[in-house]
Amino acid sequence: MMAEETSQKSLLGLLNGLARREYYGDASVTNEFLHHELYPDLSVENFNQIVDKSLQNIRRIAESDMDTNQLEAFLTSQTKRKEGGLTDDEVKVFTRFWKNHRSRIHDILIQRCQWTPSLKALTWRVDLKSQTKNNSEEDDKIRFEVSEEQLTNIIEKLEEVETLLCSYT
């Protein structure tokens, strides 16, 4: 039981370290550092196999931006592989890792594939000046009048905004 916990902690540490290096830009997390800190008793060759397998799985999961059901199906398929498959404990660790890193890694991957500035948020409103000749009108009704030319201009501007918004999605 204690060995399983240590193994799970080491794997989670490895996945977190790989995420820091591969996605969060922390170049100080090297294979040598991870090997020394997490798997000191393992040969370099065996450690590199674990790193390669882990990176391959992280990349597949991240590139597909897997939700919980997709992740479960993918990891289950990895447990059924004859060679190099995942154990049930490793599946638990990958699930925990992805739950903690999914949104941040997804955002980073989106940023990496954008070549132009993007619109992150948009808030807009329409301000109207209103005047009433007759104060007996109901307060919750506003009359909005524009000429045909003004309405056409408004519609054109809204279509331009819509086109721009669609180009960012």
N, C-alpha and C. Protein backbone atom coordinates (compact mmCIF):
# COMPACT_ATOMS: atom_id res chain seq x y z
N MET A 1 0.83 -1.20 0.00
CA MET A 1 0.00 0.00 0.00
C MET A 1 0.87 1.26 0.00
N MET A 2 1.88 1.28 0.84
CA MET A 2 2.77 2.43 0.93
C MET A 2 3.54 2.63 -0.37
N ALA A 3 3.95 1.52 -1.00
CA ALA A 3 4.68 1.60 -2.27
C ALA A 3 3.78 2.15 -3.36
N GLU A 4 2.49 1.77 -3.35
CA GLU A 4 1.54 2.28 -4.33
C GLU A 4 1.36 3.79 -4.19
N GLU A 5 1.26 4.25 -2.94
CA GLU A 5 1.11 5.70 -2.70
C GLU A 5 2.34 6.45 -3.18
N THR A 6 3.52 5.91 -2.89
CA THR A 6 4.76 6.55 -3.33
C THR A 6 4.81 6.56 -4.85
N SER A 7 4.42 5.46 -5.47
CA SER A 7 4.42 5.37 -6.92
C SER A 7 3.45 6.38 -7.53
N GLN A 8 2.27 6.51 -6.93
CA GLN A 8 1.28 7.48 -7.42
C GLN A 8 1.78 8.91 -7.25
N LYS A 9 2.40 9.20 -6.11
CA LYS A 9 2.93 10.54 -5.87
C LYS A 9 4.05 10.85 -6.85
N SER A 10 4.89 9.87 -7.12
CA SER A 10 5.98 10.09 -8.07
C SER A 10 5.44 10.35 -9.47
N LEU A 11 4.45 9.57 -9.88
CA LEU A 11 3.87 9.76 -11.21
C LEU A 11 3.17 11.12 -11.30
N LEU A 12 2.42 11.49 -10.26
CA LEU A 12 1.76 12.80 -10.27
C LEU A 12 2.79 13.93 -10.32
N GLY A 13 3.88 13.77 -9.57
CA GLY A 13 4.95 14.75 -9.61
C GLY A 13 5.57 14.84 -11.00
N LEU A 14 5.74 13.68 -11.64
CA LEU A 14 6.28 13.66 -13.00
C LEU A 14 5.34 14.37 -13.97
N LEU A 15 4.05 14.06 -13.90
CA LEU A 15 3.08 14.71 -14.79
C LEU A 15 3.04 16.21 -14.57
N ASN A 16 3.05 16.63 -13.32
CA ASN A 16 3.06 18.07 -13.01
C ASN A 16 4.33 18.72 -13.54
N GLY A 17 5.47 18.05 -13.37
CA GLY A 17 6.73 18.59 -13.87
C GLY A 17 6.73 18.69 -15.38
N LEU A 18 6.23 17.66 -16.05
CA LEU A 18 6.17 17.69 -17.51
C LEU A 18 5.25 18.80 -18.00
N ALA A 19 4.14 19.01 -17.31
CA ALA A 19 3.22 20.09 -17.67
C ALA A 19 3.90 21.45 -17.49
N ARG A 20 4.64 21.60 -16.40
CA ARG A 20 5.35 22.86 -16.17
C ARG A 20 6.34 23.13 -17.30
N ARG A 21 7.04 22.10 -17.72
CA ARG A 21 8.05 22.27 -18.77
C ARG A 21 7.42 22.44 -20.15
N GLU A 22 6.50 21.54 -20.50
CA GLU A 22 5.96 21.49 -21.85
C GLU A 22 4.93 22.57 -22.14
N TYR A 23 4.15 22.94 -21.13
CA TYR A 23 3.04 23.87 -21.36
C TYR A 23 3.21 25.22 -20.66
N TYR A 24 3.80 25.21 -19.48
CA TYR A 24 3.89 26.45 -18.71
C TYR A 24 5.22 27.17 -18.89
N GLY A 25 6.12 26.61 -19.70
CA GLY A 25 7.37 27.28 -20.06
C GLY A 25 8.44 27.29 -18.99
N ASP A 26 8.44 26.36 -18.06
CA ASP A 26 9.45 26.31 -17.01
C ASP A 26 10.62 25.43 -17.46
N ALA A 27 11.64 26.05 -18.02
CA ALA A 27 12.79 25.31 -18.57
C ALA A 27 13.67 24.70 -17.47
N SER A 28 13.46 25.11 -16.24
CA SER A 28 14.28 24.55 -15.15
C SER A 28 13.89 23.11 -14.82
N VAL A 29 12.75 22.66 -15.31
CA VAL A 29 12.31 21.28 -15.05
C VAL A 29 12.88 20.40 -16.16
N THR A 30 14.01 19.80 -15.89
CA THR A 30 14.68 18.94 -16.86
C THR A 30 14.41 17.47 -16.52
N ASN A 31 14.70 16.60 -17.48
CA ASN A 31 14.56 15.16 -17.21
C ASN A 31 15.48 14.74 -16.08
N GLU A 32 16.68 15.31 -16.05
CA GLU A 32 17.63 14.96 -14.99
C GLU A 32 17.08 15.33 -13.61
N PHE A 33 16.50 16.52 -13.53
CA PHE A 33 15.90 16.97 -12.27
C PHE A 33 14.77 16.04 -11.85
N LEU A 34 13.86 15.75 -12.77
CA LEU A 34 12.72 14.87 -12.46
C LEU A 34 13.20 13.48 -12.06
N HIS A 35 14.19 12.97 -12.77
CA HIS A 35 14.73 11.64 -12.46
C HIS A 35 15.32 11.63 -11.06
N HIS A 36 16.13 12.62 -10.76
CA HIS A 36 16.79 12.70 -9.44
C HIS A 36 15.78 12.85 -8.31
N GLU A 37 14.75 13.68 -8.52
CA GLU A 37 13.78 13.97 -7.46
C GLU A 37 12.71 12.90 -7.28
N LEU A 38 12.29 12.29 -8.39
CA LEU A 38 11.11 11.41 -8.32
C LEU A 38 11.41 9.92 -8.46
N TYR A 39 12.39 9.59 -9.24
CA TYR A 39 12.71 8.18 -9.51
C TYR A 39 14.21 7.93 -9.41
N PRO A 40 14.84 8.23 -8.28
CA PRO A 40 16.31 8.11 -8.18
C PRO A 40 16.81 6.67 -8.31
N ASP A 41 15.98 5.69 -7.97
CA ASP A 41 16.42 4.29 -8.02
C ASP A 41 16.21 3.64 -9.39
N LEU A 42 15.61 4.36 -10.30
CA LEU A 42 15.31 3.82 -11.63
C LEU A 42 16.46 4.13 -12.58
N SER A 43 16.73 3.20 -13.50
CA SER A 43 17.77 3.46 -14.49
C SER A 43 17.31 4.59 -15.41
N VAL A 44 18.27 5.26 -16.03
CA VAL A 44 17.96 6.37 -16.94
C VAL A 44 17.10 5.86 -18.09
N GLU A 45 17.40 4.70 -18.59
CA GLU A 45 16.63 4.13 -19.71
C GLU A 45 15.17 3.89 -19.32
N ASN A 46 14.95 3.28 -18.16
CA ASN A 46 13.57 3.04 -17.70
C ASN A 46 12.84 4.34 -17.41
N PHE A 47 13.55 5.29 -16.82
CA PHE A 47 12.94 6.60 -16.54
C PHE A 47 12.53 7.28 -17.84
N ASN A 48 13.40 7.26 -18.84
CA ASN A 48 13.08 7.89 -20.12
C ASN A 48 11.87 7.24 -20.79
N GLN A 49 11.70 5.94 -20.60
CA GLN A 49 10.51 5.25 -21.14
C GLN A 49 9.25 5.76 -20.45
N ILE A 50 9.32 5.96 -19.14
CA ILE A 50 8.16 6.48 -18.40
C ILE A 50 7.85 7.91 -18.86
N VAL A 51 8.88 8.72 -19.04
CA VAL A 51 8.69 10.11 -19.48
C VAL A 51 8.05 10.11 -20.86
N ASP A 52 8.57 9.30 -21.79
CA ASP A 52 8.03 9.26 -23.15
C ASP A 52 6.57 8.83 -23.16
N LYS A 53 6.26 7.78 -22.40
CA LYS A 53 4.87 7.29 -22.33
C LYS A 53 3.96 8.35 -21.72
N SER A 54 4.43 9.00 -20.67
CA SER A 54 3.63 10.03 -19.99
C SER A 54 3.39 11.23 -20.91
N LEU A 55 4.45 11.69 -21.57
CA LEU A 55 4.31 12.83 -22.49
C LEU A 55 3.36 12.49 -23.63
N GLN A 56 3.48 11.29 -24.15
CA GLN A 56 2.60 10.87 -25.25
C GLN A 56 1.14 10.91 -24.81
N ASN A 57 0.87 10.40 -23.63
CA ASN A 57 -0.51 10.39 -23.12
C ASN A 57 -1.00 11.81 -22.82
N ILE A 58 -0.16 12.63 -22.21
CA ILE A 58 -0.56 14.01 -21.91
C ILE A 58 -0.90 14.74 -23.20
N ARG A 59 -0.06 14.58 -24.21
CA ARG A 59 -0.29 15.28 -25.48
C ARG A 59 -1.58 14.83 -26.14
N ARG A 60 -1.84 13.54 -26.13
CA ARG A 60 -3.11 13.04 -26.72
C ARG A 60 -4.31 13.61 -25.98
N ILE A 61 -4.23 13.60 -24.67
CA ILE A 61 -5.33 14.11 -23.85
C ILE A 61 -5.52 15.61 -24.08
N ALA A 62 -4.41 16.35 -24.09
CA ALA A 62 -4.47 17.81 -24.22
C ALA A 62 -4.92 18.23 -25.62
N GLU A 63 -4.39 17.59 -26.65
CA GLU A 63 -4.74 17.98 -28.02
C GLU A 63 -6.21 17.72 -28.32
N SER A 64 -6.78 16.74 -27.64
CA SER A 64 -8.20 16.44 -27.82
C SER A 64 -9.08 17.19 -26.83
N ASP A 65 -8.45 17.88 -25.87
CA ASP A 65 -9.18 18.58 -24.81
C ASP A 65 -10.28 17.68 -24.25
N MET A 66 -9.87 16.50 -23.81
CA MET A 66 -10.82 15.47 -23.40
C MET A 66 -11.63 15.89 -22.17
N ASP A 67 -12.94 15.65 -22.25
CA ASP A 67 -13.77 15.83 -21.08
C ASP A 67 -13.68 14.55 -20.24
N THR A 68 -14.40 14.49 -19.14
CA THR A 68 -14.29 13.37 -18.21
C THR A 68 -14.61 12.03 -18.88
N ASN A 69 -15.67 11.99 -19.67
CA ASN A 69 -16.05 10.73 -20.33
C ASN A 69 -15.02 10.30 -21.37
N GLN A 70 -14.53 11.25 -22.16
CA GLN A 70 -13.52 10.93 -23.16
C GLN A 70 -12.24 10.46 -22.49
N LEU A 71 -11.86 11.13 -21.41
CA LEU A 71 -10.66 10.76 -20.68
C LEU A 71 -10.78 9.34 -20.14
N GLU A 72 -11.92 9.04 -19.55
CA GLU A 72 -12.14 7.70 -19.00
C GLU A 72 -12.04 6.64 -20.09
N ALA A 73 -12.64 6.90 -21.24
CA ALA A 73 -12.59 5.94 -22.34
C ALA A 73 -11.15 5.78 -22.86
N PHE A 74 -10.45 6.89 -23.00
CA PHE A 74 -9.07 6.83 -23.48
C PHE A 74 -8.19 6.06 -22.50
N LEU A 75 -8.27 6.40 -21.23
CA LEU A 75 -7.42 5.74 -20.24
C LEU A 75 -7.78 4.26 -20.10
N THR A 76 -9.05 3.93 -20.22
CA THR A 76 -9.45 2.52 -20.18
C THR A 76 -8.83 1.77 -21.35
N SER A 77 -8.82 2.40 -22.51
CA SER A 77 -8.20 1.75 -23.67
C SER A 77 -6.70 1.56 -23.44
N GLN A 78 -6.08 2.47 -22.70
CA GLN A 78 -4.65 2.35 -22.42
C GLN A 78 -4.36 1.22 -21.43
N THR A 79 -5.32 0.89 -20.58
CA THR A 79 -5.11 -0.22 -19.64
C THR A 79 -5.18 -1.56 -20.34
N LYS A 80 -5.82 -1.61 -21.48
CA LYS A 80 -6.00 -2.88 -22.20
C LYS A 80 -4.87 -3.16 -23.20
N ARG A 81 -3.94 -2.23 -23.33
CA ARG A 81 -2.81 -2.45 -24.22
C ARG A 81 -1.92 -3.55 -23.64
N LYS A 82 -1.45 -4.41 -24.51
CA LYS A 82 -0.62 -5.53 -24.04
C LYS A 82 0.76 -5.06 -23.61
N GLU A 83 1.32 -4.11 -24.34
CA GLU A 83 2.65 -3.63 -24.01
C GLU A 83 2.60 -2.14 -23.71
N GLY A 84 3.11 -1.76 -22.55
CA GLY A 84 3.16 -0.34 -22.20
C GLY A 84 1.84 0.24 -21.76
N GLY A 85 0.90 -0.59 -21.35
CA GLY A 85 -0.39 -0.10 -20.90
C GLY A 85 -0.32 0.53 -19.51
N LEU A 86 -1.38 1.21 -19.15
CA LEU A 86 -1.46 1.85 -17.84
C LEU A 86 -2.08 0.91 -16.82
N THR A 87 -1.65 1.06 -15.57
CA THR A 87 -2.28 0.33 -14.47
C THR A 87 -3.48 1.15 -13.97
N ASP A 88 -4.30 0.53 -13.15
CA ASP A 88 -5.45 1.24 -12.58
C ASP A 88 -5.00 2.43 -11.73
N ASP A 89 -3.89 2.26 -10.98
CA ASP A 89 -3.36 3.37 -10.18
C ASP A 89 -2.89 4.52 -11.06
N GLU A 90 -2.26 4.19 -12.19
CA GLU A 90 -1.80 5.23 -13.11
C GLU A 90 -2.99 5.97 -13.72
N VAL A 91 -4.06 5.24 -14.00
CA VAL A 91 -5.28 5.87 -14.53
C VAL A 91 -5.81 6.89 -13.53
N LYS A 92 -5.81 6.53 -12.25
CA LYS A 92 -6.28 7.46 -11.22
C LYS A 92 -5.41 8.73 -11.20
N VAL A 93 -4.11 8.54 -11.35
CA VAL A 93 -3.20 9.69 -11.32
C VAL A 93 -3.41 10.58 -12.55
N PHE A 94 -3.54 9.99 -13.73
CA PHE A 94 -3.78 10.78 -14.93
C PHE A 94 -5.11 11.54 -14.82
N THR A 95 -6.13 10.89 -14.27
CA THR A 95 -7.43 11.53 -14.09
C THR A 95 -7.31 12.73 -13.16
N ARG A 96 -6.63 12.54 -12.05
CA ARG A 96 -6.44 13.63 -11.09
C ARG A 96 -5.63 14.77 -11.72
N PHE A 97 -4.56 14.42 -12.44
CA PHE A 97 -3.73 15.42 -13.11
C PHE A 97 -4.56 16.24 -14.09
N TRP A 98 -5.34 15.56 -14.95
CA TRP A 98 -6.09 16.26 -15.99
C TRP A 98 -7.18 17.13 -15.38
N LYS A 99 -7.78 16.67 -14.31
CA LYS A 99 -8.81 17.46 -13.64
C LYS A 99 -8.22 18.79 -13.16
N ASN A 100 -6.97 18.76 -12.69
CA ASN A 100 -6.33 19.97 -12.16
C ASN A 100 -5.74 20.88 -13.23
N HIS A 101 -5.40 20.33 -14.40
CA HIS A 101 -4.67 21.12 -15.39
C HIS A 101 -5.43 21.38 -16.69
N ARG A 102 -6.58 20.77 -16.87
CA ARG A 102 -7.26 20.82 -18.16
C ARG A 102 -7.47 22.24 -18.69
N SER A 103 -8.11 23.08 -17.91
CA SER A 103 -8.47 24.41 -18.43
C SER A 103 -7.22 25.25 -18.71
N ARG A 104 -6.24 25.16 -17.86
CA ARG A 104 -5.03 25.97 -18.06
C ARG A 104 -4.25 25.50 -19.30
N ILE A 105 -4.09 24.19 -19.46
CA ILE A 105 -3.38 23.67 -20.63
C ILE A 105 -4.17 23.99 -21.90
N HIS A 106 -5.49 23.86 -21.84
CA HIS A 106 -6.31 24.19 -23.01
C HIS A 106 -6.11 25.65 -23.41
N ASP A 107 -6.13 26.55 -22.44
CA ASP A 107 -5.94 27.98 -22.73
C ASP A 107 -4.56 28.23 -23.35
N ILE A 108 -3.55 27.55 -22.85
CA ILE A 108 -2.19 27.72 -23.38
C ILE A 108 -2.12 27.22 -24.82
N LEU A 109 -2.74 26.08 -25.10
CA LEU A 109 -2.73 25.55 -26.47
C LEU A 109 -3.47 26.49 -27.41
N ILE A 110 -4.55 27.10 -26.95
CA ILE A 110 -5.29 28.07 -27.77
C ILE A 110 -4.39 29.27 -28.06
N GLN A 111 -3.71 29.77 -27.04
CA GLN A 111 -2.81 30.92 -27.23
C GLN A 111 -1.70 30.60 -28.22
N ARG A 112 -1.18 29.39 -28.17
CA ARG A 112 -0.09 29.00 -29.06
C ARG A 112 -0.52 28.95 -30.53
N CYS A 113 -1.78 28.72 -30.79
CA CYS A 113 -2.20 28.59 -32.19
C CYS A 113 -2.86 29.86 -32.72
N GLN A 114 -2.76 30.95 -32.00
CA GLN A 114 -3.27 32.23 -32.47
C GLN A 114 -2.12 33.09 -32.96
N TRP A 115 -2.23 33.57 -34.19
CA TRP A 115 -1.18 34.39 -34.77
C TRP A 115 -1.51 35.87 -34.74
N THR A 116 -2.73 36.19 -34.50
CA THR A 116 -3.15 37.58 -34.50
C THR A 116 -3.75 37.91 -33.14
N PRO A 117 -3.83 39.19 -32.85
CA PRO A 117 -4.49 39.57 -31.58
C PRO A 117 -5.92 39.04 -31.55
N SER A 118 -6.39 38.73 -30.38
CA SER A 118 -7.74 38.20 -30.28
C SER A 118 -8.56 38.97 -29.26
N LEU A 119 -9.83 38.86 -29.42
CA LEU A 119 -10.77 39.51 -28.52
C LEU A 119 -11.04 38.56 -27.36
N LYS A 120 -10.68 38.96 -26.15
CA LYS A 120 -10.85 38.09 -24.99
C LYS A 120 -12.21 38.28 -24.33
N ALA A 121 -12.71 39.49 -24.36
CA ALA A 121 -14.01 39.76 -23.75
C ALA A 121 -14.64 40.97 -24.45
N LEU A 122 -15.93 40.99 -24.47
CA LEU A 122 -16.64 42.09 -25.10
C LEU A 122 -17.87 42.42 -24.28
N THR A 123 -17.97 43.67 -23.94
CA THR A 123 -19.16 44.17 -23.27
C THR A 123 -19.58 45.42 -24.03
N TRP A 124 -20.85 45.49 -24.35
CA TRP A 124 -21.31 46.67 -25.06
C TRP A 124 -22.73 47.00 -24.64
N ARG A 125 -23.10 48.22 -24.93
CA ARG A 125 -24.45 48.68 -24.59
C ARG A 125 -24.86 49.78 -25.57
N VAL A 126 -26.11 50.09 -25.57
CA VAL A 126 -26.64 51.17 -26.40
C VAL A 126 -27.16 52.23 -25.45
N ASP A 127 -26.64 53.44 -25.58
CA ASP A 127 -27.10 54.56 -24.77
C ASP A 127 -28.05 55.40 -25.61
N LEU A 128 -29.17 55.73 -25.05
CA LEU A 128 -30.18 56.53 -25.75
C LEU A 128 -30.52 57.77 -24.93
N LYS A 129 -30.69 58.85 -25.64
CA LYS A 129 -31.21 60.05 -24.98
C LYS A 129 -32.70 60.06 -25.26
N SER A 130 -33.46 60.25 -24.25
CA SER A 130 -34.91 60.27 -24.48
C SER A 130 -35.51 61.57 -23.96
N GLN A 131 -36.47 62.03 -24.69
CA GLN A 131 -37.23 63.21 -24.29
C GLN A 131 -38.69 62.88 -24.47
N THR A 132 -39.46 63.33 -23.58
CA THR A 132 -40.89 63.13 -23.73
C THR A 132 -41.59 64.47 -23.67
N LYS A 133 -42.56 64.61 -24.54
CA LYS A 133 -43.36 65.83 -24.54
C LYS A 133 -44.48 65.69 -23.52
N ASN A 134 -44.87 64.45 -23.33
CA ASN A 134 -46.00 64.22 -22.46
C ASN A 134 -45.53 63.36 -21.28
N ASN A 135 -45.57 63.88 -20.09
CA ASN A 135 -45.10 63.16 -18.91
C ASN A 135 -46.04 62.04 -18.48
N SER A 136 -47.17 61.92 -19.11
CA SER A 136 -48.11 60.87 -18.70
C SER A 136 -47.77 59.51 -19.32
N GLU A 137 -46.73 59.46 -20.17
CA GLU A 137 -46.34 58.17 -20.75
C GLU A 137 -45.82 57.26 -19.66
N GLU A 138 -45.93 55.97 -19.91
CA GLU A 138 -45.43 55.01 -18.94
C GLU A 138 -43.91 55.06 -18.93
N ASP A 139 -43.32 54.90 -17.75
CA ASP A 139 -41.87 55.00 -17.60
C ASP A 139 -41.11 53.84 -18.25
N ASP A 140 -41.75 52.69 -18.41
CA ASP A 140 -41.01 51.54 -18.93
C ASP A 140 -41.03 51.43 -20.44
N LYS A 141 -41.59 52.41 -21.12
CA LYS A 141 -41.62 52.39 -22.57
C LYS A 141 -40.76 53.52 -23.12
N ILE A 142 -39.92 53.16 -24.10
CA ILE A 142 -39.09 54.16 -24.76
C ILE A 142 -39.32 54.02 -26.25
N ARG A 143 -39.47 55.12 -26.87
CA ARG A 143 -39.69 55.12 -28.32
C ARG A 143 -38.36 55.39 -28.99
N PHE A 144 -38.03 54.55 -29.92
CA PHE A 144 -36.74 54.63 -30.61
C PHE A 144 -37.00 54.87 -32.08
N GLU A 145 -36.52 55.98 -32.57
CA GLU A 145 -36.76 56.33 -33.97
C GLU A 145 -35.45 56.61 -34.66
N VAL A 146 -35.33 56.09 -35.88
CA VAL A 146 -34.19 56.39 -36.74
C VAL A 146 -34.70 56.44 -38.17
N SER A 147 -33.95 57.13 -38.99
CA SER A 147 -34.32 57.17 -40.40
C SER A 147 -33.92 55.84 -41.05
N GLU A 148 -34.39 55.62 -42.25
CA GLU A 148 -34.05 54.39 -42.97
C GLU A 148 -32.54 54.30 -43.18
N GLU A 149 -31.94 55.41 -43.51
CA GLU A 149 -30.48 55.44 -43.73
C GLU A 149 -29.73 55.11 -42.43
N GLN A 150 -30.17 55.67 -41.31
CA GLN A 150 -29.53 55.39 -40.03
C GLN A 150 -29.69 53.91 -39.65
N LEU A 151 -30.87 53.37 -39.89
CA LEU A 151 -31.12 51.97 -39.59
C LEU A 151 -30.23 51.07 -40.44
N THR A 152 -30.08 51.41 -41.70
CA THR A 152 -29.21 50.64 -42.59
C THR A 152 -27.77 50.68 -42.08
N ASN A 153 -27.32 51.85 -41.65
CA ASN A 153 -25.97 51.98 -41.10
C ASN A 153 -25.79 51.14 -39.83
N ILE A 154 -26.78 51.16 -38.97
CA ILE A 154 -26.72 50.37 -37.73
C ILE A 154 -26.62 48.88 -38.07
N ILE A 155 -27.46 48.43 -38.98
CA ILE A 155 -27.45 47.02 -39.37
C ILE A 155 -26.11 46.64 -39.98
N GLU A 156 -25.55 47.50 -40.83
CA GLU A 156 -24.24 47.22 -41.44
C GLU A 156 -23.16 47.11 -40.36
N LYS A 157 -23.17 48.01 -39.40
CA LYS A 157 -22.18 47.97 -38.32
C LYS A 157 -22.33 46.71 -37.48
N LEU A 158 -23.56 46.32 -37.19
CA LEU A 158 -23.78 45.10 -36.42
C LEU A 158 -23.32 43.87 -37.20
N GLU A 159 -23.53 43.88 -38.52
CA GLU A 159 -23.06 42.77 -39.35
C GLU A 159 -21.53 42.71 -39.36
N GLU A 160 -20.87 43.87 -39.38
CA GLU A 160 -19.41 43.91 -39.30
C GLU A 160 -18.93 43.32 -37.98
N VAL A 161 -19.59 43.70 -36.89
CA VAL A 161 -19.23 43.18 -35.57
C VAL A 161 -19.43 41.66 -35.54
N GLU A 162 -20.55 41.20 -36.08
CA GLU A 162 -20.84 39.77 -36.11
C GLU A 162 -19.78 39.02 -36.91
N THR A 163 -19.38 39.56 -38.05
CA THR A 163 -18.35 38.93 -38.88
C THR A 163 -17.03 38.84 -38.12
N LEU A 164 -16.67 39.93 -37.45
CA LEU A 164 -15.44 39.91 -36.67
C LEU A 164 -15.50 38.89 -35.53
N LEU A 165 -16.62 38.86 -34.85
CA LEU A 165 -16.78 37.90 -33.75
C LEU A 165 -16.71 36.47 -34.27
N CYS A 166 -17.34 36.21 -35.40
CA CYS A 166 -17.31 34.86 -35.97
C CYS A 166 -15.90 34.46 -36.40
N SER A 167 -15.10 35.42 -36.82
CA SER A 167 -13.73 35.09 -37.25
C SER A 167 -12.86 34.70 -36.05
N TYR A 168 -13.25 35.05 -34.85
CA TYR A 168 -12.47 34.70 -33.66
C TYR A 168 -12.94 33.43 -33.00
N THR A 169 -14.00 32.83 -33.50
CA THR A 169 -14.48 31.59 -32.88
C THR A 169 -14.25 30.41 -33.78
